[in-house]
Amino acid sequence: MKTHIIEVDVRDDIRAGREPFSRIMAAAAQLGTTGKMVLIAPFEPVPLYNVLAAQGFTHLARELADGDWEIHFVRGPQNPESRSKPRRA
């Protein structure tokens, strides 16, 4: 079965002063049980983790070399991989 992946890059929204929350939630609503949302943001969106966890999502986050963040959200049980990873030097 092929995984449905939705990428949501909110860096331009945030730079322009637009709130990306509704866009993120709309993308999350499109995912089935096997889908994945990849969020790209200029900072780690820690409060979003609890919002999406309440909808059954786990996450894996990593800081990119340029200081931006890439977070993968999938629906499923909590597991040890659901955490943030600092970037590697």
PDB file of N, CA and C in Angstrom:
ATOM      1  N   MET A   1       0.840  -1.181   0.000  1.00  0.00           N
ATOM      2  CA  MET A   1       0.000   0.000   0.000  1.00  0.00           C
ATOM      3  C   MET A   1       0.887   1.247   0.000  1.00  0.00           C
ATOM      4  N   LYS A   2       0.589   2.184  -0.877  1.00  0.00           N
ATOM      5  CA  LYS A   2       1.373   3.405  -1.000  1.00  0.00           C
ATOM      6  C   LYS A   2       0.951   4.423   0.056  1.00  0.00           C
ATOM      7  N   THR A   3       1.934   5.054   0.696  1.00  0.00           N
ATOM      8  CA  THR A   3       1.668   6.067   1.706  1.00  0.00           C
ATOM      9  C   THR A   3       1.364   7.400   1.034  1.00  0.00           C
ATOM     10  N   HIS A   4       0.275   8.007   1.441  1.00  0.00           N
ATOM     11  CA  HIS A   4      -0.102   9.334   0.950  1.00  0.00           C
ATOM     12  C   HIS A   4       0.684  10.370   1.770  1.00  0.00           C
ATOM     13  N   ILE A   5       1.476  11.198   1.113  1.00  0.00           N
ATOM     14  CA  ILE A   5       2.297  12.192   1.802  1.00  0.00           C
ATOM     15  C   ILE A   5       1.850  13.590   1.382  1.00  0.00           C
ATOM     16  N   ILE A   6       1.595  14.417   2.381  1.00  0.00           N
ATOM     17  CA  ILE A   6       1.259  15.816   2.134  1.00  0.00           C
ATOM     18  C   ILE A   6       2.370  16.655   2.757  1.00  0.00           C
ATOM     19  N   GLU A   7       2.997  17.510   1.949  1.00  0.00           N
ATOM     20  CA  GLU A   7       4.024  18.417   2.472  1.00  0.00           C
ATOM     21  C   GLU A   7       3.403  19.797   2.663  1.00  0.00           C
ATOM     22  N   VAL A   8       3.615  20.354   3.841  1.00  0.00           N
ATOM     23  CA  VAL A   8       3.109  21.686   4.162  1.00  0.00           C
ATOM     24  C   VAL A   8       4.304  22.528   4.593  1.00  0.00           C
ATOM     25  N   ASP A   9       4.678  23.470   3.753  1.00  0.00           N
ATOM     26  CA  ASP A   9       5.799  24.366   4.039  1.00  0.00           C
ATOM     27  C   ASP A   9       5.205  25.707   4.461  1.00  0.00           C
ATOM     28  N   VAL A  10       5.349  26.035   5.743  1.00  0.00           N
ATOM     29  CA  VAL A  10       4.731  27.254   6.280  1.00  0.00           C
ATOM     30  C   VAL A  10       5.729  28.393   6.469  1.00  0.00           C
ATOM     31  N   ARG A  11       6.942  28.237   5.997  1.00  0.00           N
ATOM     32  CA  ARG A  11       7.955  29.281   6.212  1.00  0.00           C
ATOM     33  C   ARG A  11       7.552  30.612   5.592  1.00  0.00           C
ATOM     34  N   ASP A  12       7.061  30.615   4.371  1.00  0.00           N
ATOM     35  CA  ASP A  12       6.650  31.880   3.742  1.00  0.00           C
ATOM     36  C   ASP A  12       5.449  32.495   4.450  1.00  0.00           C
ATOM     37  N   ASP A  13       4.515  31.655   4.877  1.00  0.00           N
ATOM     38  CA  ASP A  13       3.355  32.170   5.616  1.00  0.00           C
ATOM     39  C   ASP A  13       3.806  32.923   6.867  1.00  0.00           C
ATOM     40  N   ILE A  14       4.687  32.315   7.618  1.00  0.00           N
ATOM     41  CA  ILE A  14       5.139  32.920   8.866  1.00  0.00           C
ATOM     42  C   ILE A  14       5.940  34.190   8.596  1.00  0.00           C
ATOM     43  N   ARG A  15       6.805  34.162   7.607  1.00  0.00           N
ATOM     44  CA  ARG A  15       7.565  35.370   7.255  1.00  0.00           C
ATOM     45  C   ARG A  15       6.651  36.515   6.846  1.00  0.00           C
ATOM     46  N   ALA A  16       5.523  36.186   6.214  1.00  0.00           N
ATOM     47  CA  ALA A  16       4.574  37.207   5.759  1.00  0.00           C
ATOM     48  C   ALA A  16       3.575  37.596   6.843  1.00  0.00           C
ATOM     49  N   GLY A  17       3.700  37.012   8.029  1.00  0.00           N
ATOM     50  CA  GLY A  17       2.802  37.347   9.127  1.00  0.00           C
ATOM     51  C   GLY A  17       1.459  36.630   9.082  1.00  0.00           C
ATOM     52  N   ARG A  18       1.343  35.601   8.252  1.00  0.00           N
ATOM     53  CA  ARG A  18       0.094  34.832   8.166  1.00  0.00           C
ATOM     54  C   ARG A  18       0.145  33.659   9.135  1.00  0.00           C
ATOM     55  N   GLU A  19      -0.948  33.385   9.773  1.00  0.00           N
ATOM     56  CA  GLU A  19      -1.065  32.260  10.702  1.00  0.00           C
ATOM     57  C   GLU A  19      -1.339  30.984   9.901  1.00  0.00           C
ATOM     58  N   PRO A  20      -0.469  29.971   9.978  1.00  0.00           N
ATOM     59  CA  PRO A  20      -0.641  28.772   9.157  1.00  0.00           C
ATOM     60  C   PRO A  20      -1.457  27.656   9.806  1.00  0.00           C
ATOM     61  N   PHE A  21      -1.998  27.887  10.995  1.00  0.00           N
ATOM     62  CA  PHE A  21      -2.661  26.811  11.732  1.00  0.00           C
ATOM     63  C   PHE A  21      -3.785  26.158  10.930  1.00  0.00           C
ATOM     64  N   SER A  22      -4.657  26.946  10.326  1.00  0.00           N
ATOM     65  CA  SER A  22      -5.787  26.355   9.592  1.00  0.00           C
ATOM     66  C   SER A  22      -5.299  25.552   8.385  1.00  0.00           C
ATOM     67  N   ARG A  23      -4.251  25.993   7.766  1.00  0.00           N
ATOM     68  CA  ARG A  23      -3.681  25.260   6.632  1.00  0.00           C
ATOM     69  C   ARG A  23      -3.116  23.910   7.083  1.00  0.00           C
ATOM     70  N   ILE A  24      -2.440  23.911   8.223  1.00  0.00           N
ATOM     71  CA  ILE A  24      -1.879  22.669   8.774  1.00  0.00           C
ATOM     72  C   ILE A  24      -3.001  21.706   9.149  1.00  0.00           C
ATOM     73  N   MET A  25      -4.033  22.216   9.808  1.00  0.00           N
ATOM     74  CA  MET A  25      -5.132  21.355  10.241  1.00  0.00           C
ATOM     75  C   MET A  25      -5.915  20.810   9.040  1.00  0.00           C
ATOM     76  N   ALA A  26      -6.064  21.603   7.990  1.00  0.00           N
ATOM     77  CA  ALA A  26      -6.747  21.123   6.778  1.00  0.00           C
ATOM     78  C   ALA A  26      -5.954  19.983   6.146  1.00  0.00           C
ATOM     79  N   ALA A  27      -4.641  20.107   6.117  1.00  0.00           N
ATOM     80  CA  ALA A  27      -3.805  19.037   5.560  1.00  0.00           C
ATOM     81  C   ALA A  27      -3.912  17.778   6.412  1.00  0.00           C
ATOM     82  N   ALA A  28      -3.884  17.936   7.728  1.00  0.00           N
ATOM     83  CA  ALA A  28      -3.990  16.785   8.626  1.00  0.00           C
ATOM     84  C   ALA A  28      -5.326  16.074   8.448  1.00  0.00           C
ATOM     85  N   ALA A  29      -6.374  16.844   8.207  1.00  0.00           N
ATOM     86  CA  ALA A  29      -7.705  16.253   8.026  1.00  0.00           C
ATOM     87  C   ALA A  29      -7.790  15.412   6.755  1.00  0.00           C
ATOM     88  N   GLN A  30      -6.932  15.667   5.790  1.00  0.00           N
ATOM     89  CA  GLN A  30      -6.936  14.922   4.529  1.00  0.00           C
ATOM     90  C   GLN A  30      -6.263  13.556   4.646  1.00  0.00           C
ATOM     91  N   LEU A  31      -5.512  13.348   5.716  1.00  0.00           N
ATOM     92  CA  LEU A  31      -4.754  12.104   5.854  1.00  0.00           C
ATOM     93  C   LEU A  31      -5.622  10.974   6.361  1.00  0.00           C
ATOM     94  N   GLY A  32      -5.438   9.837   5.766  1.00  0.00           N
ATOM     95  CA  GLY A  32      -6.093   8.634   6.266  1.00  0.00           C
ATOM     96  C   GLY A  32      -5.216   8.011   7.350  1.00  0.00           C
ATOM     97  N   THR A  33      -5.459   6.769   7.625  1.00  0.00           N
ATOM     98  CA  THR A  33      -4.694   6.099   8.674  1.00  0.00           C
ATOM     99  C   THR A  33      -3.268   5.771   8.256  1.00  0.00           C
ATOM    100  N   THR A  34      -2.988   5.766   6.964  1.00  0.00           N
ATOM    101  CA  THR A  34      -1.635   5.440   6.511  1.00  0.00           C
ATOM    102  C   THR A  34      -0.911   6.651   5.922  1.00  0.00           C
ATOM    103  N   GLY A  35      -1.506   7.827   5.985  1.00  0.00           N
ATOM    104  CA  GLY A  35      -0.889   9.014   5.410  1.00  0.00           C
ATOM    105  C   GLY A  35       0.152   9.635   6.311  1.00  0.00           C
ATOM    106  N   LYS A  36       0.925  10.527   5.716  1.00  0.00           N
ATOM    107  CA  LYS A  36       1.968  11.235   6.447  1.00  0.00           C
ATOM    108  C   LYS A  36       1.926  12.705   6.031  1.00  0.00           C
ATOM    109  N   MET A  37       2.076  13.588   7.017  1.00  0.00           N
ATOM    110  CA  MET A  37       2.218  15.010   6.735  1.00  0.00           C
ATOM    111  C   MET A  37       3.634  15.411   7.108  1.00  0.00           C
ATOM    112  N   VAL A  38       4.312  16.066   6.177  1.00  0.00           N
ATOM    113  CA  VAL A  38       5.649  16.580   6.427  1.00  0.00           C
ATOM    114  C   VAL A  38       5.511  18.099   6.512  1.00  0.00           C
ATOM    115  N   LEU A  39       5.788  18.634   7.683  1.00  0.00           N
ATOM    116  CA  LEU A  39       5.673  20.065   7.938  1.00  0.00           C
ATOM    117  C   LEU A  39       7.073  20.669   7.942  1.00  0.00           C
ATOM    118  N   ILE A  40       7.247  21.763   7.210  1.00  0.00           N
ATOM    119  CA  ILE A  40       8.508  22.504   7.202  1.00  0.00           C
ATOM    120  C   ILE A  40       8.202  23.860   7.822  1.00  0.00           C
ATOM    121  N   ALA A  41       8.933  24.212   8.885  1.00  0.00           N
ATOM    122  CA  ALA A  41       8.676  25.452   9.618  1.00  0.00           C
ATOM    123  C   ALA A  41      10.001  26.109  10.008  1.00  0.00           C
ATOM    124  N   PRO A  42       9.972  27.427  10.249  1.00  0.00           N
ATOM    125  CA  PRO A  42      11.203  28.123  10.624  1.00  0.00           C
ATOM    126  C   PRO A  42      11.573  27.955  12.097  1.00  0.00           C
ATOM    127  N   PHE A  43      10.733  27.248  12.857  1.00  0.00           N
ATOM    128  CA  PHE A  43      11.005  26.972  14.271  1.00  0.00           C
ATOM    129  C   PHE A  43      10.300  25.668  14.625  1.00  0.00           C
ATOM    130  N   GLU A  44      10.660  25.086  15.754  1.00  0.00           N
ATOM    131  CA  GLU A  44      10.000  23.854  16.172  1.00  0.00           C
ATOM    132  C   GLU A  44       8.619  24.198  16.733  1.00  0.00           C
ATOM    133  N   PRO A  45       7.550  23.681  16.133  1.00  0.00           N
ATOM    134  CA  PRO A  45       6.192  24.033  16.546  1.00  0.00           C
ATOM    135  C   PRO A  45       5.684  23.168  17.709  1.00  0.00           C
ATOM    136  N   VAL A  46       6.329  23.283  18.843  1.00  0.00           N
ATOM    137  CA  VAL A  46       6.042  22.420  19.991  1.00  0.00           C
ATOM    138  C   VAL A  46       4.563  22.396  20.371  1.00  0.00           C
ATOM    139  N   PRO A  47       3.852  23.525  20.447  1.00  0.00           N
ATOM    140  CA  PRO A  47       2.428  23.450  20.825  1.00  0.00           C
ATOM    141  C   PRO A  47       1.579  22.621  19.855  1.00  0.00           C
ATOM    142  N   LEU A  48       1.985  22.548  18.615  1.00  0.00           N
ATOM    143  CA  LEU A  48       1.248  21.771  17.619  1.00  0.00           C
ATOM    144  C   LEU A  48       1.292  20.279  17.921  1.00  0.00           C
ATOM    145  N   TYR A  49       2.336  19.818  18.572  1.00  0.00           N
ATOM    146  CA  TYR A  49       2.462  18.389  18.875  1.00  0.00           C
ATOM    147  C   TYR A  49       1.268  17.893  19.688  1.00  0.00           C
ATOM    148  N   ASN A  50       0.883  18.637  20.729  1.00  0.00           N
ATOM    149  CA  ASN A  50      -0.242  18.209  21.566  1.00  0.00           C
ATOM    150  C   ASN A  50      -1.565  18.299  20.826  1.00  0.00           C
ATOM    151  N   VAL A  51      -1.721  19.322  19.999  1.00  0.00           N
ATOM    152  CA  VAL A  51      -2.958  19.477  19.217  1.00  0.00           C
ATOM    153  C   VAL A  51      -3.141  18.272  18.303  1.00  0.00           C
ATOM    154  N   LEU A  52      -2.090  17.898  17.592  1.00  0.00           N
ATOM    155  CA  LEU A  52      -2.206  16.767  16.671  1.00  0.00           C
ATOM    156  C   LEU A  52      -2.190  15.424  17.395  1.00  0.00           C
ATOM    157  N   ALA A  53      -1.531  15.342  18.545  1.00  0.00           N
ATOM    158  CA  ALA A  53      -1.563  14.102  19.335  1.00  0.00           C
ATOM    159  C   ALA A  53      -2.988  13.798  19.782  1.00  0.00           C
ATOM    160  N   ALA A  54      -3.758  14.825  20.071  1.00  0.00           N
ATOM    161  CA  ALA A  54      -5.151  14.631  20.466  1.00  0.00           C
ATOM    162  C   ALA A  54      -5.983  14.047  19.326  1.00  0.00           C
ATOM    163  N   GLN A  55      -5.484  14.177  18.105  1.00  0.00           N
ATOM    164  CA  GLN A  55      -6.159  13.597  16.936  1.00  0.00           C
ATOM    165  C   GLN A  55      -5.528  12.271  16.517  1.00  0.00           C
ATOM    166  N   GLY A  56      -4.617  11.757  17.340  1.00  0.00           N
ATOM    167  CA  GLY A  56      -4.028  10.450  17.074  1.00  0.00           C
ATOM    168  C   GLY A  56      -2.709  10.463  16.337  1.00  0.00           C
ATOM    169  N   PHE A  57      -2.083  11.634  16.206  1.00  0.00           N
ATOM    170  CA  PHE A  57      -0.822  11.725  15.479  1.00  0.00           C
ATOM    171  C   PHE A  57       0.381  11.591  16.407  1.00  0.00           C
ATOM    172  N   THR A  58       1.396  10.937  15.902  1.00  0.00           N
ATOM    173  CA  THR A  58       2.715  10.962  16.525  1.00  0.00           C
ATOM    174  C   THR A  58       3.611  11.765  15.585  1.00  0.00           C
ATOM    175  N   HIS A  59       4.777  12.144  16.081  1.00  0.00           N
ATOM    176  CA  HIS A  59       5.641  12.968  15.245  1.00  0.00           C
ATOM    177  C   HIS A  59       7.105  12.572  15.415  1.00  0.00           C
ATOM    178  N   LEU A  60       7.877  12.949  14.435  1.00  0.00           N
ATOM    179  CA  LEU A  60       9.330  12.830  14.478  1.00  0.00           C
ATOM    180  C   LEU A  60       9.857  14.132  13.899  1.00  0.00           C
ATOM    181  N   ALA A  61      10.593  14.888  14.707  1.00  0.00           N
ATOM    182  CA  ALA A  61      11.060  16.210  14.296  1.00  0.00           C
ATOM    183  C   ALA A  61      12.578  16.245  14.261  1.00  0.00           C
ATOM    184  N   ARG A  62      13.082  17.056  13.316  1.00  0.00           N
ATOM    185  CA  ARG A  62      14.531  17.262  13.281  1.00  0.00           C
ATOM    186  C   ARG A  62      14.818  18.679  12.794  1.00  0.00           C
ATOM    187  N   GLU A  63      15.840  19.252  13.379  1.00  0.00           N
ATOM    188  CA  GLU A  63      16.266  20.576  12.953  1.00  0.00           C
ATOM    189  C   GLU A  63      17.162  20.414  11.736  1.00  0.00           C
ATOM    190  N   LEU A  64      16.914  21.224  10.726  1.00  0.00           N
ATOM    191  CA  LEU A  64      17.696  21.188   9.502  1.00  0.00           C
ATOM    192  C   LEU A  64      18.944  22.061   9.656  1.00  0.00           C
ATOM    193  N   ALA A  65      19.892  21.896   8.765  1.00  0.00           N
ATOM    194  CA  ALA A  65      21.164  22.616   8.845  1.00  0.00           C
ATOM    195  C   ALA A  65      20.990  24.133   8.836  1.00  0.00           C
ATOM    196  N   ASP A  66      19.932  24.631   8.175  1.00  0.00           N
ATOM    197  CA  ASP A  66      19.719  26.081   8.096  1.00  0.00           C
ATOM    198  C   ASP A  66      18.907  26.635   9.267  1.00  0.00           C
ATOM    199  N   GLY A  67      18.580  25.779  10.246  1.00  0.00           N
ATOM    200  CA  GLY A  67      17.826  26.218  11.416  1.00  0.00           C
ATOM    201  C   GLY A  67      16.324  26.005  11.297  1.00  0.00           C
ATOM    202  N   ASP A  68      15.840  25.663  10.099  1.00  0.00           N
ATOM    203  CA  ASP A  68      14.425  25.339   9.937  1.00  0.00           C
ATOM    204  C   ASP A  68      14.180  23.946  10.514  1.00  0.00           C
ATOM    205  N   TRP A  69      12.893  23.574  10.609  1.00  0.00           N
ATOM    206  CA  TRP A  69      12.519  22.276  11.161  1.00  0.00           C
ATOM    207  C   TRP A  69      11.690  21.489  10.167  1.00  0.00           C
ATOM    208  N   GLU A  70      11.890  20.175  10.165  1.00  0.00           N
ATOM    209  CA  GLU A  70      11.104  19.237   9.374  1.00  0.00           C
ATOM    210  C   GLU A  70      10.463  18.272  10.355  1.00  0.00           C
ATOM    211  N   ILE A  71       9.141  18.224  10.332  1.00  0.00           N
ATOM    212  CA  ILE A  71       8.418  17.365  11.262  1.00  0.00           C
ATOM    213  C   ILE A  71       7.517  16.431  10.467  1.00  0.00           C
ATOM    214  N   HIS A  72       7.634  15.144  10.750  1.00  0.00           N
ATOM    215  CA  HIS A  72       6.806  14.122  10.107  1.00  0.00           C
ATOM    216  C   HIS A  72       5.713  13.722  11.093  1.00  0.00           C
ATOM    217  N   PHE A  73       4.463  13.831  10.660  1.00  0.00           N
ATOM    218  CA  PHE A  73       3.316  13.437  11.475  1.00  0.00           C
ATOM    219  C   PHE A  73       2.634  12.251  10.826  1.00  0.00           C
ATOM    220  N   VAL A  74       2.366  11.220  11.627  1.00  0.00           N
ATOM    221  CA  VAL A  74       1.607  10.056  11.169  1.00  0.00           C
ATOM    222  C   VAL A  74       0.600   9.696  12.250  1.00  0.00           C
ATOM    223  N   ARG A  75      -0.503   9.089  11.830  1.00  0.00           N
ATOM    224  CA  ARG A  75      -1.464   8.606  12.825  1.00  0.00           C
ATOM    225  C   ARG A  75      -0.999   7.241  13.299  1.00  0.00           C
ATOM    226  N   GLY A  76      -1.108   7.036  14.594  1.00  0.00           N
ATOM    227  CA  GLY A  76      -0.727   5.740  15.124  1.00  0.00           C
ATOM    228  C   GLY A  76      -0.436   5.818  16.601  1.00  0.00           C
ATOM    229  N   PRO A  77      -0.135   4.682  17.190  1.00  0.00           N
ATOM    230  CA  PRO A  77       0.131   4.647  18.622  1.00  0.00           C
ATOM    231  C   PRO A  77       1.415   5.401  18.960  1.00  0.00           C
ATOM    232  N   GLN A  78       1.464   5.910  20.186  1.00  0.00           N
ATOM    233  CA  GLN A  78       2.685   6.571  20.645  1.00  0.00           C
ATOM    234  C   GLN A  78       3.816   5.555  20.624  1.00  0.00           C
ATOM    235  N   ASN A  79       4.984   6.016  20.266  1.00  0.00           N
ATOM    236  CA  ASN A  79       6.142   5.140  20.229  1.00  0.00           C
ATOM    237  C   ASN A  79       7.390   5.946  20.572  1.00  0.00           C
ATOM    238  N   PRO A  80       8.501   5.292  20.831  1.00  0.00           N
ATOM    239  CA  PRO A  80       9.712   6.013  21.220  1.00  0.00           C
ATOM    240  C   PRO A  80      10.245   6.939  20.134  1.00  0.00           C
ATOM    241  N   GLU A  81       9.825   6.751  18.892  1.00  0.00           N
ATOM    242  CA  GLU A  81      10.293   7.618  17.815  1.00  0.00           C
ATOM    243  C   GLU A  81       9.571   8.969  17.805  1.00  0.00           C
ATOM    244  N   SER A  82       8.525   9.106  18.609  1.00  0.00           N
ATOM    245  CA  SER A  82       7.754  10.348  18.633  1.00  0.00           C
ATOM    246  C   SER A  82       8.459  11.346  19.547  1.00  0.00           C
ATOM    247  N   ARG A  83       9.348  12.098  18.945  1.00  0.00           N
ATOM    248  CA  ARG A  83      10.148  13.052  19.706  1.00  0.00           C
ATOM    249  C   ARG A  83      10.849  13.992  18.749  1.00  0.00           C
ATOM    250  N   SER A  84      11.592  14.905  19.313  1.00  0.00           N
ATOM    251  CA  SER A  84      12.366  15.847  18.515  1.00  0.00           C
ATOM    252  C   SER A  84      13.821  15.416  18.506  1.00  0.00           C
ATOM    253  N   LYS A  85      14.454  15.618  17.364  1.00  0.00           N
ATOM    254  CA  LYS A  85      15.877  15.296  17.251  1.00  0.00           C
ATOM    255  C   LYS A  85      16.632  16.556  16.884  1.00  0.00           C
ATOM    256  N   PRO A  86      17.638  16.928  17.678  1.00  0.00           N
ATOM    257  CA  PRO A  86      18.428  18.092  17.296  1.00  0.00           C
ATOM    258  C   PRO A  86      19.226  17.792  16.040  1.00  0.00           C
ATOM    259  N   ARG A  87      19.581  18.832  15.326  1.00  0.00           N
ATOM    260  CA  ARG A  87      20.367  18.619  14.098  1.00  0.00           C
ATOM    261  C   ARG A  87      21.747  18.096  14.471  1.00  0.00           C
ATOM    262  N   ARG A  88      22.299  17.380  13.571  1.00  0.00           N
ATOM    263  CA  ARG A  88      23.647  16.838  13.771  1.00  0.00           C
ATOM    264  C   ARG A  88      24.646  17.803  13.163  1.00  0.00           C
ATOM    265  N   ALA A  89      25.727  18.037  13.858  1.00  0.00           N
ATOM    266  CA  ALA A  89      26.777  18.959  13.382  1.00  0.00           C
ATOM    267  C   ALA A  89      27.626  18.286  12.337  1.00  0.00           C
TER     268      ALA A  89
END
